């Protein structure tokens, strides 16, 4: 049963670097060749734009235009075809202090509202990294786990992200990670540049909520920029509440984005299996000038599958 086992790592682990692509409609499985890109479109006020069609988007890979063969809008729009997996990374280190308890209560209310998620992977971390996956029916156990962690120890933020991303490679469908942290890292063996490569290789969209009220003023700008750098690679968004009272408005913004986020899928015209980085760019069609003032957020690309002898694994 999901949630029956908690795996715990010290801040040392090994991560694989292969990326499993996903299969074209109607079922998404690993080791096949559909490239899936999540896309958020916002207006000048930062509000999500809905109602666009597949004809409104142009997707290029390494400057080559690709044909979009899969399109949907909203993470809950086609769960039978593309399941939705939710991840939660919660900083339980001593640096979170009194913010942790109140943040947990608000987080649980928000997570409960996302009842269309197939599963929820909880990663809570301090000097160690603990991870467990829960089904919706196991939500009370997830709540118990989250509430039971006291704020203590050092902060293995990068290692926790690495552990989550490693597990997320095996999940097919849409993947969204909610990250709760003050942005500090005082424990990880994984370096920031190594973490950024893992983030680039993933197809997870990250929303970070950075609690900085207890950080030293001199550290706030550095930790904020660090979180923004991680999140921007995924097409997600970072938030920095001035107080816990800001959380409900932040959660509503995330809900709005998730309900209007577009998914585009295509089969790459590049058949090479060399593991090379491929730049993916999503723009709005020039045939509709009225869309040109809108802003797009999406991941920057992906690593091609890699096979040592150039032959795809038949599994």
Protein backbone atom coordinates (compact mmCIF):
# COMPACT_ATOMS: atom_id res chain seq x y z
CA UNK A 1 0.00 0.00 0.00
CA UNK A 2 1.23 3.47 -0.72
CA UNK A 3 2.41 5.30 2.34
CA UNK A 4 3.24 2.08 4.20
CA UNK A 5 6.99 2.66 4.02
CA UNK A 6 9.13 5.67 4.73
CA UNK A 7 12.56 5.64 3.12
CA UNK A 8 15.18 7.74 4.83
CA UNK A 9 18.50 8.87 3.42
CA UNK A 10 21.35 10.73 5.01
CA UNK A 11 22.44 13.62 2.83
CA UNK A 12 24.37 11.26 0.54
CA UNK A 13 22.89 9.29 -2.40
CA UNK A 14 23.41 8.25 -5.99
CA UNK A 15 21.21 9.52 -8.80
CA UNK A 16 20.68 8.10 -12.26
CA UNK A 17 20.99 10.48 -15.20
CA UNK A 18 18.84 8.79 -17.86
CA UNK A 19 15.54 10.33 -18.92
CA UNK A 20 12.62 8.07 -19.85
CA UNK A 21 10.39 9.71 -22.46
CA UNK A 22 6.66 8.99 -22.66
CA UNK A 23 4.39 7.31 -25.14
CA UNK A 24 1.90 9.01 -27.47
CA UNK A 25 -1.83 8.86 -26.80
CA UNK A 26 -3.84 7.24 -25.43
CA UNK A 27 -1.63 5.85 -22.63
CA UNK A 28 1.60 7.32 -21.28
CA UNK A 29 4.37 4.86 -20.44
CA UNK A 30 8.11 5.01 -20.02
CA UNK A 31 10.82 4.33 -22.61
CA UNK A 32 8.92 5.68 -25.58
CA UNK A 33 9.21 8.84 -27.55
CA UNK A 34 6.60 11.53 -26.87
CA UNK A 35 8.15 14.75 -25.55
CA UNK A 36 5.70 16.43 -23.16
CA UNK A 37 5.97 20.14 -22.37
CA UNK A 38 3.86 21.93 -19.79
CA UNK A 39 3.10 25.54 -20.73
CA UNK A 40 1.68 28.42 -18.71
CA UNK A 41 0.50 31.53 -20.56
CA UNK A 42 -0.04 34.74 -18.59
CA UNK A 43 -1.13 38.28 -19.45
CA UNK A 44 0.55 41.56 -18.49
CA UNK A 45 -0.97 41.37 -15.00
CA UNK A 46 0.42 37.87 -14.49
CA UNK A 47 -2.99 36.20 -14.68
CA UNK A 48 -3.24 32.84 -16.49
CA UNK A 49 -4.79 32.89 -19.96
CA UNK A 50 -7.22 30.12 -20.88
CA UNK A 51 -9.09 29.21 -24.04
CA UNK A 52 -6.11 28.81 -26.37
CA UNK A 53 -6.01 25.98 -28.94
CA UNK A 54 -3.24 23.85 -30.33
CA UNK A 55 -3.09 26.09 -33.43
CA UNK A 56 -2.06 29.00 -31.20
CA UNK A 57 1.27 27.39 -30.25
CA UNK A 58 4.51 26.87 -32.13
CA UNK A 59 7.04 24.36 -30.74
CA UNK A 60 10.62 24.18 -31.96
CA UNK A 61 13.39 21.82 -30.91
CA UNK A 62 16.91 23.05 -31.64
CA UNK A 63 15.31 25.59 -34.03
CA UNK A 64 13.38 22.87 -35.94
CA UNK A 65 9.61 23.18 -35.86
CA UNK A 66 7.90 20.10 -34.45
CA UNK A 67 4.34 18.89 -35.02
CA UNK A 68 2.24 18.87 -31.84
CA UNK A 69 0.35 15.58 -31.64
CA UNK A 70 -1.02 15.89 -28.10
CA UNK A 71 -2.75 18.90 -26.56
CA UNK A 72 -4.77 19.52 -23.42
CA UNK A 73 -5.56 22.33 -21.01
CA UNK A 74 -5.67 21.97 -17.22
CA UNK A 75 -4.03 19.28 -15.12
CA UNK A 76 -7.37 17.65 -14.36
CA UNK A 77 -8.67 17.68 -17.93
CA UNK A 78 -7.63 14.19 -19.08
CA UNK A 79 -6.47 12.15 -16.11
CA UNK A 80 -7.18 8.85 -17.87
CA UNK A 81 -4.69 9.76 -20.58
CA UNK A 82 -2.15 11.70 -18.55
CA UNK A 83 -2.23 11.08 -14.78
CA UNK A 84 -1.26 13.85 -12.40
CA UNK A 85 1.43 13.23 -9.77
CA UNK A 86 1.92 15.69 -6.93
CA UNK A 87 5.13 16.09 -4.97
CA UNK A 88 5.62 18.01 -1.71
CA UNK A 89 9.06 18.95 -0.40
CA UNK A 90 8.89 20.32 3.14
CA UNK A 91 11.80 21.88 4.94
CA UNK A 92 11.70 20.56 8.52
CA UNK A 93 15.09 21.97 9.52
CA UNK A 94 15.73 24.22 12.49
CA UNK A 95 16.05 27.29 10.27
CA UNK A 96 12.31 27.16 9.51
CA UNK A 97 11.57 27.68 13.21
CA UNK A 98 8.08 28.80 14.16
CA UNK A 99 7.00 29.20 10.51
CA UNK A 100 6.99 25.43 10.02
CA UNK A 101 3.93 24.58 12.13
CA UNK A 102 1.67 27.22 10.59
CA UNK A 103 2.94 26.49 7.08
CA UNK A 104 2.07 22.80 7.50
CA UNK A 105 -1.54 23.54 8.45
CA UNK A 106 -2.05 25.77 5.43
CA UNK A 107 -0.26 23.28 3.15
CA UNK A 108 -2.49 20.40 4.22
CA UNK A 109 -5.64 22.39 3.41
CA UNK A 110 -4.25 23.12 -0.03
CA UNK A 111 -3.15 19.53 -0.69
CA UNK A 112 -6.57 18.23 0.33
CA UNK A 113 -8.14 20.39 -2.40
CA UNK A 114 -5.99 18.69 -5.07
CA UNK A 115 -7.89 15.42 -4.79
CA UNK A 116 -7.47 14.61 -8.49
CA UNK A 117 -3.79 13.72 -7.98
CA UNK A 118 -3.12 10.03 -8.52
CA UNK A 119 -0.62 10.07 -5.67
CA UNK A 120 1.31 12.44 -3.44
CA UNK A 121 5.03 12.02 -2.80
CA UNK A 122 6.07 13.64 0.47
CA UNK A 123 9.73 14.49 1.04
CA UNK A 124 10.50 16.12 4.37
CA UNK A 125 14.06 16.96 5.18
CA UNK A 126 16.46 18.41 7.72
CA UNK A 127 19.89 16.82 8.10
CA UNK A 128 18.32 13.71 6.57
CA UNK A 129 15.92 13.17 3.68
CA UNK A 130 12.74 11.13 4.24
CA UNK A 131 10.41 10.19 1.41
CA UNK A 132 7.13 8.30 1.12
CA UNK A 133 4.36 8.09 -1.47
CA UNK A 134 0.67 8.17 -0.56
CA UNK A 135 -2.55 7.47 -2.42
CA UNK A 136 -5.52 9.77 -1.87
CA UNK A 137 -7.10 7.32 0.57
CA UNK A 138 -3.94 7.51 2.66
CA UNK A 139 -4.17 11.29 3.04
CA UNK A 140 -4.72 11.11 6.84
CA UNK A 141 -1.42 9.26 7.16
CA UNK A 142 0.32 11.88 5.04
CA UNK A 143 -1.07 14.59 7.33
CA UNK A 144 0.13 12.69 10.38
CA UNK A 145 3.61 12.33 8.89
CA UNK A 146 3.86 16.00 8.01
CA UNK A 147 2.55 17.25 11.34
CA UNK A 148 4.82 14.89 13.25
CA UNK A 149 8.08 16.45 12.08
CA UNK A 150 9.66 19.00 14.41
CA UNK A 151 11.81 21.82 13.06
CA UNK A 152 15.37 20.75 13.90
CA UNK A 153 18.75 19.98 12.41
CA UNK A 154 20.57 21.28 9.36
CA UNK A 155 19.12 21.76 5.86
CA UNK A 156 19.73 19.23 3.05
CA UNK A 157 17.64 21.08 0.46
CA UNK A 158 19.62 20.10 -2.65
CA UNK A 159 19.81 16.46 -1.61
CA UNK A 160 16.05 16.38 -0.95
CA UNK A 161 15.34 17.81 -4.41
CA UNK A 162 17.70 15.27 -5.93
CA UNK A 163 15.98 12.37 -4.19
CA UNK A 164 12.55 13.55 -5.33
CA UNK A 165 13.62 14.12 -8.94
CA UNK A 166 15.26 10.71 -9.08
CA UNK A 167 11.97 9.05 -8.10
CA UNK A 168 9.93 11.27 -10.42
CA UNK A 169 11.81 9.97 -13.48
CA UNK A 170 9.80 6.74 -13.15
CA UNK A 171 6.43 8.50 -13.11
CA UNK A 172 4.62 9.12 -16.39
CA UNK A 173 2.18 11.99 -16.86
CA UNK A 174 2.12 15.49 -15.40
CA UNK A 175 4.28 16.13 -12.36
CA UNK A 176 4.06 19.17 -10.11
CA UNK A 177 6.25 19.75 -7.05
CA UNK A 178 5.37 22.15 -4.24
CA UNK A 179 8.53 23.20 -2.42
CA UNK A 180 8.35 24.72 1.07
CA UNK A 181 11.66 26.06 2.32
CA UNK A 182 13.58 29.15 3.40
CA UNK A 183 16.01 28.48 0.54
CA UNK A 184 19.07 27.81 2.70
CA UNK A 185 21.24 24.71 2.31
CA UNK A 186 23.71 23.79 5.03
CA UNK A 187 24.04 20.02 4.67
CA UNK A 188 23.82 18.67 1.10
CA UNK A 189 26.51 16.68 -0.64
CA UNK A 190 24.88 17.51 -3.97
CA UNK A 191 26.22 20.77 -5.35
CA UNK A 192 24.01 23.49 -6.80
CA UNK A 193 25.33 23.05 -10.35
CA UNK A 194 24.68 19.30 -10.13
CA UNK A 195 21.16 19.92 -8.88
CA UNK A 196 20.45 22.35 -11.71
CA UNK A 197 21.44 19.68 -14.25
CA UNK A 198 18.98 17.26 -12.64
CA UNK A 199 16.25 19.90 -12.73
CA UNK A 200 16.95 20.57 -16.42
CA UNK A 201 16.70 16.85 -17.15
CA UNK A 202 13.33 16.48 -15.41
CA UNK A 203 9.82 17.23 -16.63
CA UNK A 204 8.63 18.35 -13.20
CA UNK A 205 7.07 21.79 -12.76
CA UNK A 206 8.16 23.35 -9.46
CA UNK A 207 6.27 25.92 -7.42
CA UNK A 208 8.41 27.20 -4.55
CA UNK A 209 7.11 28.97 -1.46
CA UNK A 210 10.07 30.64 0.19
CA UNK A 211 9.71 31.51 3.87
CA UNK A 212 12.34 34.16 4.45
CA UNK A 213 11.06 36.01 7.49
CA UNK A 214 13.62 34.30 9.73
CA UNK A 215 16.57 34.54 7.34
CA UNK A 216 19.18 37.15 8.01
CA UNK A 217 18.66 40.20 5.80
CA UNK A 218 22.07 39.64 4.20
CA UNK A 219 21.04 36.11 3.14
CA UNK A 220 17.59 36.83 1.75
CA UNK A 221 18.60 38.04 -1.69
CA UNK A 222 20.95 35.09 -2.23
CA UNK A 223 18.45 32.43 -1.13
CA UNK A 224 15.66 34.08 -3.11
CA UNK A 225 17.69 34.15 -6.31
CA UNK A 226 18.74 30.53 -5.76
CA UNK A 227 15.13 29.36 -5.53
CA UNK A 228 14.13 31.44 -8.55
CA UNK A 229 16.96 29.90 -10.58
CA UNK A 230 15.80 26.38 -9.76
CA UNK A 231 12.12 27.08 -10.43
CA UNK A 232 12.58 29.02 -13.67
CA UNK A 233 14.19 26.00 -15.33
CA UNK A 234 10.89 24.13 -14.96
CA UNK A 235 8.45 26.83 -16.10
CA UNK A 236 7.08 27.11 -12.57
CA UNK A 237 6.92 30.07 -10.24
CA UNK A 238 8.33 31.12 -6.88
CA UNK A 239 6.52 33.01 -4.12
CA UNK A 240 7.91 34.78 -1.09
CA UNK A 241 5.11 35.52 1.40
CA UNK A 242 5.67 38.43 3.73
CA UNK A 243 3.55 36.65 6.32
CA UNK A 244 1.58 33.44 6.70
CA UNK A 245 -1.58 35.43 5.93
CA UNK A 246 -0.39 35.63 2.31
CA UNK A 247 -0.56 31.86 1.78
CA UNK A 248 -4.22 31.58 0.79
CA UNK A 249 -3.79 34.10 -2.03
CA UNK A 250 -0.66 32.25 -3.19
CA UNK A 251 -2.50 28.93 -3.20
CA UNK A 252 -5.30 30.44 -5.27
CA UNK A 253 -2.75 31.63 -7.83
CA UNK A 254 -1.24 28.15 -8.04
CA UNK A 255 -4.71 26.59 -8.43
CA UNK A 256 -5.51 29.03 -11.23
CA UNK A 257 -2.27 28.19 -13.04
CA UNK A 258 -2.80 24.46 -12.69
CA UNK A 259 -6.36 24.67 -13.99
CA UNK A 260 -5.23 26.53 -17.12
CA UNK A 261 -1.78 25.01 -17.72
CA UNK A 262 -1.46 23.60 -21.23
CA UNK A 263 0.24 20.32 -22.13
CA UNK A 264 1.84 19.94 -25.54
CA UNK A 265 3.27 16.67 -26.80
CA UNK A 266 5.29 15.88 -29.89
CA UNK A 267 7.50 13.15 -31.32
CA UNK A 268 10.94 14.59 -31.94
CA UNK A 269 12.16 14.61 -35.51
CA UNK A 270 15.67 13.98 -34.15
CA UNK A 271 15.98 10.19 -33.80
CA UNK A 272 19.47 10.25 -32.28
CA UNK A 273 19.87 8.47 -28.92
CA UNK A 274 23.02 10.28 -27.85
CA UNK A 275 21.81 11.81 -24.58
CA UNK A 276 22.45 15.35 -25.88
CA UNK A 277 20.66 18.42 -24.56
CA UNK A 278 17.84 19.61 -26.82
CA UNK A 279 16.55 23.16 -26.60
CA UNK A 280 12.75 23.40 -26.71
CA UNK A 281 11.08 26.74 -27.36
CA UNK A 282 7.33 27.37 -27.20
CA UNK A 283 5.94 30.55 -28.75
CA UNK A 284 2.53 31.83 -29.73
CA UNK A 285 1.52 31.84 -33.37
CA UNK A 286 2.29 35.04 -35.28
CA UNK A 287 -0.97 34.46 -37.14
CA UNK A 288 -2.71 35.92 -34.08
CA UNK A 289 -1.08 39.29 -33.35
CA UNK A 290 -3.40 39.85 -30.38
CA UNK A 291 -1.51 37.09 -28.52
CA UNK A 292 1.95 38.57 -28.91
CA UNK A 293 1.79 40.59 -25.67
CA UNK A 294 1.30 37.41 -23.63
CA UNK A 295 4.13 35.68 -21.75
CA UNK A 296 4.91 31.95 -21.86
CA UNK A 297 6.57 29.88 -19.14
CA UNK A 298 7.77 26.36 -19.92
CA UNK A 299 10.79 24.18 -19.39
CA UNK A 300 13.81 25.00 -21.52
CA UNK A 301 14.40 21.58 -23.02
CA UNK A 302 15.32 18.00 -22.21
CA UNK A 303 18.08 15.45 -22.57
CA UNK A 304 17.62 12.97 -25.40
CA UNK A 305 17.48 9.29 -24.44
CA UNK A 306 20.85 7.61 -24.39
CA UNK A 307 21.69 4.08 -25.48
CA UNK A 308 25.31 2.98 -25.47
CA UNK A 309 25.16 1.20 -28.80
CA UNK A 310 22.63 3.63 -30.31
CA UNK A 311 19.85 1.01 -30.17
CA UNK A 312 16.75 1.71 -28.06
CA UNK A 313 16.01 -0.68 -25.21
CA UNK A 314 13.12 -2.91 -26.44
CA UNK A 315 11.45 -3.00 -23.01
